[in-house]
């Protein structure tokens, strides 16, 4: 990086970088070194300089006193973002994903089987198309989005409303629990035959966001247990009419937890079928969102 910043071309790597920069070809750099080197003023100056020239930097993972090279996924996505079309460039997109959990007591929760794969796929695809992405989920940090970590439905709704303040669009893929319960302060004893849980409905995320931001472009998901296309389309159209959505992705409960999925993409006028991986579905949703914006 220091040689690239100083236009010293004495290796295939540095000559390739200088040639690419001179020809306006995208360059992505993934630095890795001992952490004290990463804090050296000269290194920081070199990083700032090449970044000012348009070089995309994939931040290292700071672990064990070392700035370790970024993951393969992070580098691949950064390269795709730099080299591909970027119809979402400059856009802020909020994505909700995965399941929510409602505490029953200090050790038990009410939840569902959603894996969060679709939400992560949509967030990664939006990032690749140039967007700045916020992912709201109960999961780990990811290299392609800023993560807002939540657990309950109420926490997810609040985080989504806050994140949408500066957003151009929201895609709500999360399987948000429909009911919550007042959590017990101590662990419920096992073996009770007369135990009753009083369930209360959780807030609706799309309704809460729409109430706060009437003009925000939003995409919803609708999970139907029947698997019947007519029922899924009708439910999706009802959601579009009620909340005012750009389009809805409708699928059945069999999609939960798997790598493959089948879905219907429904808007006010048309219905199209998608069959494939959740990664590919995320790419399709990101492309349709870009067209909507």
Protein backbone atom coordinates (compact mmCIF):
# COMPACT_ATOMS: atom_id res chain seq x y z
CA UNK A 1 0.00 0.00 0.00
CA UNK A 2 2.88 2.34 0.77
CA UNK A 3 4.37 1.68 -2.66
CA UNK A 4 1.03 2.16 -4.40
CA UNK A 5 0.56 5.47 -2.54
CA UNK A 6 4.04 6.56 -3.70
CA UNK A 7 3.61 5.26 -7.27
CA UNK A 8 6.54 2.85 -6.86
CA UNK A 9 6.04 0.05 -9.37
CA UNK A 10 8.56 -2.72 -8.77
CA UNK A 11 6.28 -5.76 -8.38
CA UNK A 12 3.40 -7.22 -10.41
CA UNK A 13 0.97 -6.13 -7.67
CA UNK A 14 2.07 -2.49 -7.51
CA UNK A 15 2.35 -2.17 -11.29
CA UNK A 16 -1.12 -3.68 -11.70
CA UNK A 17 -2.57 -1.23 -9.14
CA UNK A 18 -0.92 1.82 -10.71
CA UNK A 19 -2.04 0.80 -14.19
CA UNK A 20 -5.59 0.21 -12.98
CA UNK A 21 -5.74 3.56 -11.17
CA UNK A 22 -4.44 5.36 -14.25
CA UNK A 23 -7.01 3.59 -16.44
CA UNK A 24 -9.90 4.28 -14.02
CA UNK A 25 -10.33 0.57 -13.29
CA UNK A 26 -11.70 -0.20 -9.79
CA UNK A 27 -9.11 -1.26 -7.20
CA UNK A 28 -9.90 -3.03 -3.93
CA UNK A 29 -7.25 -3.42 -1.21
CA UNK A 30 -7.52 -5.75 1.79
CA UNK A 31 -4.69 -4.77 4.18
CA UNK A 32 -3.36 -7.17 6.79
CA UNK A 33 -0.44 -6.66 9.20
CA UNK A 34 0.49 -6.56 12.87
CA UNK A 35 -1.78 -4.09 14.66
CA UNK A 36 1.05 -1.64 15.61
CA UNK A 37 1.88 -1.36 11.89
CA UNK A 38 -1.76 -0.54 11.17
CA UNK A 39 -1.48 2.35 13.67
CA UNK A 40 1.73 3.75 12.11
CA UNK A 41 1.24 7.35 10.87
CA UNK A 42 2.88 6.55 7.53
CA UNK A 43 0.62 3.56 6.96
CA UNK A 44 -2.47 5.58 7.88
CA UNK A 45 -1.39 8.37 5.53
CA UNK A 46 -0.90 5.84 2.72
CA UNK A 47 -4.33 4.34 3.36
CA UNK A 48 -5.94 7.78 3.34
CA UNK A 49 -4.12 8.69 0.13
CA UNK A 50 -5.09 5.62 -1.89
CA UNK A 51 -8.65 5.86 -0.57
CA UNK A 52 -8.83 9.47 -1.79
CA UNK A 53 -7.95 8.12 -5.24
CA UNK A 54 -10.98 5.84 -5.17
CA UNK A 55 -9.37 2.64 -3.87
CA UNK A 56 -11.91 0.61 -1.87
CA UNK A 57 -10.47 -0.64 1.42
CA UNK A 58 -11.73 -3.81 3.09
CA UNK A 59 -11.05 -3.32 6.79
CA UNK A 60 -9.06 -6.06 8.53
CA UNK A 61 -10.25 -8.04 11.53
CA UNK A 62 -8.43 -6.86 14.67
CA UNK A 63 -7.69 -10.03 16.63
CA UNK A 64 -4.85 -11.18 18.89
CA UNK A 65 -2.82 -8.04 18.31
CA UNK A 66 -2.98 -8.46 14.55
CA UNK A 67 -4.93 -6.74 11.80
CA UNK A 68 -5.91 -10.01 10.13
CA UNK A 69 -7.04 -10.08 6.54
CA UNK A 70 -10.78 -9.67 6.00
CA UNK A 71 -12.95 -12.71 5.33
CA UNK A 72 -13.29 -14.11 1.84
CA UNK A 73 -16.94 -13.03 1.85
CA UNK A 74 -16.04 -9.44 2.72
CA UNK A 75 -13.39 -9.23 -0.01
CA UNK A 76 -15.62 -10.84 -2.63
CA UNK A 77 -18.54 -8.52 -1.85
CA UNK A 78 -16.28 -5.45 -1.87
CA UNK A 79 -14.90 -6.47 -5.26
CA UNK A 80 -18.40 -7.02 -6.63
CA UNK A 81 -19.51 -3.63 -5.27
CA UNK A 82 -16.49 -1.88 -6.81
CA UNK A 83 -16.60 -3.57 -10.21
CA UNK A 84 -20.33 -3.99 -10.85
CA UNK A 85 -23.23 -1.67 -11.62
CA UNK A 86 -24.33 0.36 -8.61
CA UNK A 87 -27.95 1.44 -9.09
CA UNK A 88 -28.29 1.89 -5.31
CA UNK A 89 -25.21 4.11 -4.99
CA UNK A 90 -25.83 6.81 -2.41
CA UNK A 91 -28.97 5.10 -1.10
CA UNK A 92 -29.58 4.14 2.53
CA UNK A 93 -31.40 0.82 2.91
CA UNK A 94 -32.67 -0.76 6.14
CA UNK A 95 -33.15 -4.54 6.19
CA UNK A 96 -34.76 -6.53 8.99
CA UNK A 97 -34.01 -10.23 9.20
CA UNK A 98 -34.31 -13.44 11.15
CA UNK A 99 -36.51 -14.37 14.06
CA UNK A 100 -37.44 -12.43 17.16
CA UNK A 101 -37.58 -13.91 20.67
CA UNK A 102 -39.97 -13.08 23.50
CA UNK A 103 -38.70 -13.89 26.99
CA UNK A 104 -40.89 -16.18 29.04
CA UNK A 105 -38.49 -16.35 32.00
CA UNK A 106 -34.71 -15.91 32.42
CA UNK A 107 -33.98 -19.04 30.32
CA UNK A 108 -36.98 -19.65 28.03
CA UNK A 109 -38.20 -17.75 24.98
CA UNK A 110 -40.99 -17.86 22.42
CA UNK A 111 -39.49 -17.79 18.92
CA UNK A 112 -39.70 -19.39 15.46
CA UNK A 113 -37.54 -21.31 12.97
CA UNK A 114 -36.46 -18.39 10.76
CA UNK A 115 -32.71 -18.58 10.08
CA UNK A 116 -32.12 -15.02 8.88
CA UNK A 117 -30.52 -16.21 5.61
CA UNK A 118 -32.88 -14.20 3.43
CA UNK A 119 -32.32 -10.98 5.39
CA UNK A 120 -28.56 -11.37 5.19
CA UNK A 121 -28.81 -12.15 1.47
CA UNK A 122 -30.90 -9.03 0.80
CA UNK A 123 -28.52 -6.85 2.84
CA UNK A 124 -25.46 -8.23 1.01
CA UNK A 125 -27.10 -7.77 -2.38
CA UNK A 126 -28.09 -4.17 -1.63
CA UNK A 127 -24.52 -3.48 -0.49
CA UNK A 128 -23.15 -4.98 -3.72
CA UNK A 129 -25.43 -2.65 -5.70
CA UNK A 130 -23.92 0.34 -3.90
CA UNK A 131 -26.23 0.96 -0.94
CA UNK A 132 -25.22 1.78 2.61
CA UNK A 133 -27.08 -0.89 4.58
CA UNK A 134 -28.33 -1.22 8.14
CA UNK A 135 -29.24 -4.78 9.14
CA UNK A 136 -31.59 -5.13 12.11
CA UNK A 137 -31.45 -8.68 13.46
CA UNK A 138 -30.58 -10.91 16.41
CA UNK A 139 -27.25 -11.98 14.96
CA UNK A 140 -23.57 -11.26 14.53
CA UNK A 141 -21.88 -8.34 12.82
CA UNK A 142 -21.49 -8.65 9.05
CA UNK A 143 -18.97 -6.98 6.70
CA UNK A 144 -21.60 -5.52 4.37
CA UNK A 145 -23.86 -3.66 6.80
CA UNK A 146 -24.07 -1.78 10.07
CA UNK A 147 -25.81 -4.11 12.50
CA UNK A 148 -28.47 -3.14 15.02
CA UNK A 149 -28.75 -6.11 17.39
CA UNK A 150 -32.26 -6.75 18.74
CA UNK A 151 -34.08 -9.61 20.43
CA UNK A 152 -37.79 -8.95 20.85
CA UNK A 153 -40.42 -7.76 18.39
CA UNK A 154 -40.72 -4.43 20.22
CA UNK A 155 -36.95 -3.92 20.06
CA UNK A 156 -36.94 -4.69 16.33
CA UNK A 157 -39.78 -2.27 15.62
CA UNK A 158 -38.10 0.51 17.62
CA UNK A 159 -34.73 -0.08 15.92
CA UNK A 160 -36.30 -0.16 12.46
CA UNK A 161 -38.18 3.08 13.08
CA UNK A 162 -34.98 4.78 14.26
CA UNK A 163 -32.87 3.43 11.39
CA UNK A 164 -35.45 4.44 8.79
CA UNK A 165 -35.15 8.11 9.73
CA UNK A 166 -32.40 8.66 7.14
CA UNK A 167 -33.28 5.76 4.84
CA UNK A 168 -34.45 5.66 1.24
CA UNK A 169 -36.00 2.20 1.63
CA UNK A 170 -36.81 -0.55 4.12
CA UNK A 171 -37.00 -4.27 3.33
CA UNK A 172 -38.64 -6.23 6.14
CA UNK A 173 -37.73 -9.91 5.73
CA UNK A 174 -37.83 -10.66 9.47
CA UNK A 175 -40.14 -13.32 10.84
CA UNK A 176 -41.37 -11.18 13.70
CA UNK A 177 -43.25 -13.02 16.44
CA UNK A 178 -46.96 -12.22 16.55
CA UNK A 179 -47.28 -12.57 20.33
CA UNK A 180 -45.37 -11.66 23.44
CA UNK A 181 -45.78 -12.48 27.11
CA UNK A 182 -44.94 -10.80 30.38
CA UNK A 183 -41.69 -12.46 31.40
CA UNK A 184 -41.42 -14.11 34.81
CA UNK A 185 -38.60 -12.78 36.98
CA UNK A 186 -37.54 -16.30 38.02
CA UNK A 187 -37.27 -19.55 36.09
CA UNK A 188 -40.62 -21.30 35.84
CA UNK A 189 -40.52 -24.68 37.55
CA UNK A 190 -40.75 -27.66 35.22
CA UNK A 191 -43.53 -30.23 35.55
CA UNK A 192 -46.35 -27.76 36.23
CA UNK A 193 -49.54 -29.12 34.68
CA UNK A 194 -51.64 -26.00 35.13
CA UNK A 195 -49.26 -23.39 33.71
CA UNK A 196 -50.87 -20.74 31.51
CA UNK A 197 -49.16 -18.05 29.46
CA UNK A 198 -51.20 -14.94 28.66
CA UNK A 199 -50.17 -13.81 25.16
CA UNK A 200 -50.45 -10.27 23.90
CA UNK A 201 -50.08 -9.19 20.25
CA UNK A 202 -46.78 -7.57 19.25
CA UNK A 203 -46.60 -4.27 17.33
CA UNK A 204 -46.63 -4.44 13.52
CA UNK A 205 -43.32 -3.21 12.15
CA UNK A 206 -44.50 -2.11 8.70
CA UNK A 207 -47.44 -0.19 10.16
CA UNK A 208 -45.21 1.55 12.71
CA UNK A 209 -42.65 2.57 10.08
CA UNK A 210 -45.34 3.70 7.61
CA UNK A 211 -47.03 5.83 10.27
CA UNK A 212 -43.74 7.63 10.95
CA UNK A 213 -42.53 7.85 7.32
CA UNK A 214 -45.48 8.12 4.89
CA UNK A 215 -43.31 8.39 1.77
CA UNK A 216 -40.68 5.73 2.49
CA UNK A 217 -40.30 2.97 -0.11
CA UNK A 218 -40.93 -0.32 1.67
CA UNK A 219 -40.87 -4.00 0.75
CA UNK A 220 -42.66 -6.59 2.86
CA UNK A 221 -42.69 -10.37 3.27
CA UNK A 222 -45.79 -12.47 3.75
CA UNK A 223 -45.55 -16.03 5.08
CA UNK A 224 -48.58 -18.22 4.44
CA UNK A 225 -48.97 -21.75 5.84
CA UNK A 226 -51.09 -23.09 2.97
CA UNK A 227 -48.60 -22.88 0.09
CA UNK A 228 -51.52 -22.01 -2.19
CA UNK A 229 -50.49 -19.41 -4.79
CA UNK A 230 -53.87 -17.70 -4.92
CA UNK A 231 -53.99 -17.38 -1.13
CA UNK A 232 -50.41 -16.07 -1.00
CA UNK A 233 -51.12 -13.52 -3.75
CA UNK A 234 -54.31 -12.34 -2.06
CA UNK A 235 -52.54 -11.97 1.29
CA UNK A 236 -49.68 -10.06 -0.35
CA UNK A 237 -52.06 -7.71 -2.16
CA UNK A 238 -53.90 -7.08 1.09
CA UNK A 239 -50.61 -6.08 2.73
CA UNK A 240 -49.72 -3.82 -0.21
CA UNK A 241 -53.09 -2.06 0.04
CA UNK A 242 -52.98 -1.70 3.82
CA UNK A 243 -49.44 -0.38 4.22
CA UNK A 244 -48.60 1.00 0.78
CA UNK A 245 -45.68 -1.21 -0.25
CA UNK A 246 -43.64 -1.26 -3.45
CA UNK A 247 -43.98 -5.05 -3.58
CA UNK A 248 -44.32 -8.09 -1.33
CA UNK A 249 -42.39 -11.37 -1.31
CA UNK A 250 -44.85 -14.15 -0.49
CA UNK A 251 -43.80 -17.67 0.45
CA UNK A 252 -44.99 -20.58 2.55
CA UNK A 253 -43.75 -21.93 5.86
CA UNK A 254 -41.64 -24.61 4.18
CA UNK A 255 -39.09 -21.90 3.32
CA UNK A 256 -38.12 -21.44 6.97
CA UNK A 257 -34.61 -22.60 7.80
CA UNK A 258 -33.59 -23.94 4.38
CA UNK A 259 -31.10 -22.81 1.75
CA UNK A 260 -33.54 -23.11 -1.15
CA UNK A 261 -36.83 -21.27 -1.44
CA UNK A 262 -39.80 -20.65 -3.67
CA UNK A 263 -41.51 -17.29 -3.54
CA UNK A 264 -43.97 -15.08 -5.37
CA UNK A 265 -42.98 -11.45 -5.95
CA UNK A 266 -46.22 -9.53 -5.93
CA UNK A 267 -46.88 -5.88 -6.72
CA UNK A 268 -50.09 -4.01 -7.42
CA UNK A 269 -50.27 -5.28 -10.99
CA UNK A 270 -48.12 -8.37 -11.49
CA UNK A 271 -47.02 -11.64 -9.90
CA UNK A 272 -43.78 -13.44 -10.76
CA UNK A 273 -42.43 -16.73 -9.41
CA UNK A 274 -38.93 -17.21 -8.03
CA UNK A 275 -37.32 -20.60 -7.39
CA UNK A 276 -33.72 -20.89 -6.21
CA UNK A 277 -31.33 -20.14 -3.40
CA UNK A 278 -31.95 -17.45 -0.82
CA UNK A 279 -28.77 -15.73 -2.03
CA UNK A 280 -30.27 -15.46 -5.51
CA UNK A 281 -33.59 -14.30 -4.03
CA UNK A 282 -31.73 -11.54 -2.19
CA UNK A 283 -30.17 -10.42 -5.48
CA UNK A 284 -33.58 -10.40 -7.18
CA UNK A 285 -35.15 -8.35 -4.38
CA UNK A 286 -32.27 -5.83 -4.42
CA UNK A 287 -32.59 -5.43 -8.20
CA UNK A 288 -36.37 -4.94 -7.98
CA UNK A 289 -35.90 -2.46 -5.14
CA UNK A 290 -33.41 -0.48 -7.23
CA UNK A 291 -35.98 -0.38 -10.06
CA UNK A 292 -38.66 0.81 -7.63
CA UNK A 293 -36.44 3.65 -6.40
